[in-house]
């Protein structure tokens, strides 16, 4: 009997894609955690938030 349960290789492919998905999500989670830690440190130190994007003061692009 085949290791993948006898199906035509499909579970092995799903397993690889699922593993890749989990790795990608774990990397995104780590990056998000690092951003949040940096933001928390900046707030404690009284520094401005250095994120890119919409300027919270004006609602427009940062200058």
C-alpha atoms as a PDB file:
ATOM      1  CA  UNK A   1       0.000   0.000   0.000  1.00  0.00           C
ATOM      2  CA  UNK A   2       1.242   3.482  -0.828  1.00  0.00           C
ATOM      3  CA  UNK A   3       2.210   5.884   1.934  1.00  0.00           C
ATOM      4  CA  UNK A   4      -0.301   8.461   0.788  1.00  0.00           C
ATOM      5  CA  UNK A   5      -3.255   6.127   1.292  1.00  0.00           C
ATOM      6  CA  UNK A   6      -3.389   4.864  -2.275  1.00  0.00           C
ATOM      7  CA  UNK A   7      -4.648   8.085  -3.796  1.00  0.00           C
ATOM      8  CA  UNK A   8      -2.937   9.201  -6.970  1.00  0.00           C
ATOM      9  CA  UNK A   9      -0.369  11.447  -5.281  1.00  0.00           C
ATOM     10  CA  UNK A  10      -2.880  14.133  -4.401  1.00  0.00           C
ATOM     11  CA  UNK A  11      -2.405  14.072  -0.588  1.00  0.00           C
ATOM     12  CA  UNK A  12       1.356  14.392  -1.046  1.00  0.00           C
ATOM     13  CA  UNK A  13       0.817  17.513  -3.149  1.00  0.00           C
ATOM     14  CA  UNK A  14      -1.686  18.908  -0.639  1.00  0.00           C
ATOM     15  CA  UNK A  15       0.769  18.172   2.132  1.00  0.00           C
ATOM     16  CA  UNK A  16       3.502  20.175   0.381  1.00  0.00           C
ATOM     17  CA  UNK A  17       1.198  23.092  -0.316  1.00  0.00           C
ATOM     18  CA  UNK A  18      -0.156  22.990   3.225  1.00  0.00           C
ATOM     19  CA  UNK A  19       3.401  22.955   4.602  1.00  0.00           C
ATOM     20  CA  UNK A  20       4.325  25.923   2.389  1.00  0.00           C
ATOM     21  CA  UNK A  21       1.183  27.771   3.487  1.00  0.00           C
ATOM     22  CA  UNK A  22       1.938  27.176   7.159  1.00  0.00           C
ATOM     23  CA  UNK A  23       5.521  28.394   6.690  1.00  0.00           C
ATOM     24  CA  UNK A  24       4.304  31.520   4.886  1.00  0.00           C
ATOM     25  CA  UNK A  25       1.755  32.268   7.608  1.00  0.00           C
ATOM     26  CA  UNK A  26       4.361  31.719  10.333  1.00  0.00           C
ATOM     27  CA  UNK A  27       6.702  34.193   8.614  1.00  0.00           C
ATOM     28  CA  UNK A  28       3.920  36.773   8.331  1.00  0.00           C
ATOM     29  CA  UNK A  29       3.074  36.275  12.002  1.00  0.00           C
ATOM     30  CA  UNK A  30       6.718  36.806  13.018  1.00  0.00           C
ATOM     31  CA  UNK A  31       6.927  39.969  10.903  1.00  0.00           C
ATOM     32  CA  UNK A  32       3.707  41.300  12.433  1.00  0.00           C
ATOM     33  CA  UNK A  33       4.973  40.567  15.937  1.00  0.00           C
ATOM     34  CA  UNK A  34       8.215  42.435  15.221  1.00  0.00           C
ATOM     35  CA  UNK A  35       6.268  45.460  13.915  1.00  0.00           C
ATOM     36  CA  UNK A  36       4.057  45.480  16.988  1.00  0.00           C
ATOM     37  CA  UNK A  37       7.049  45.206  19.333  1.00  0.00           C
ATOM     38  CA  UNK A  38       8.759  48.103  17.557  1.00  0.00           C
ATOM     39  CA  UNK A  39       5.574  50.158  17.763  1.00  0.00           C
ATOM     40  CA  UNK A  40       5.253  49.400  21.481  1.00  0.00           C
ATOM     41  CA  UNK A  41       8.872  50.370  22.133  1.00  0.00           C
ATOM     42  CA  UNK A  42       8.436  53.629  20.230  1.00  0.00           C
ATOM     43  CA  UNK A  43       5.349  54.500  22.239  1.00  0.00           C
ATOM     44  CA  UNK A  44       7.144  53.823  25.527  1.00  0.00           C
ATOM     45  CA  UNK A  45      10.064  55.993  24.414  1.00  0.00           C
ATOM     46  CA  UNK A  46       7.710  58.754  23.300  1.00  0.00           C
ATOM     47  CA  UNK A  47       8.885  58.624  19.677  1.00  0.00           C
ATOM     48  CA  UNK A  48       6.653  59.052  16.656  1.00  0.00           C
ATOM     49  CA  UNK A  49       5.338  55.950  14.930  1.00  0.00           C
ATOM     50  CA  UNK A  50       7.545  55.335  11.877  1.00  0.00           C
ATOM     51  CA  UNK A  51       5.071  53.235   9.871  1.00  0.00           C
ATOM     52  CA  UNK A  52       4.529  53.998   6.187  1.00  0.00           C
ATOM     53  CA  UNK A  53       1.103  54.829   4.837  1.00  0.00           C
ATOM     54  CA  UNK A  54      -1.644  57.279   5.614  1.00  0.00           C
ATOM     55  CA  UNK A  55      -0.715  60.087   7.979  1.00  0.00           C
ATOM     56  CA  UNK A  56      -3.019  59.809  11.004  1.00  0.00           C
ATOM     57  CA  UNK A  57      -2.864  63.562  11.649  1.00  0.00           C
ATOM     58  CA  UNK A  58      -4.085  64.671   8.225  1.00  0.00           C
ATOM     59  CA  UNK A  59      -5.664  61.556   6.752  1.00  0.00           C
ATOM     60  CA  UNK A  60      -3.407  61.917   3.717  1.00  0.00           C
ATOM     61  CA  UNK A  61      -0.055  60.664   2.600  1.00  0.00           C
ATOM     62  CA  UNK A  62       2.874  61.317   4.946  1.00  0.00           C
ATOM     63  CA  UNK A  63       5.113  64.248   4.079  1.00  0.00           C
END
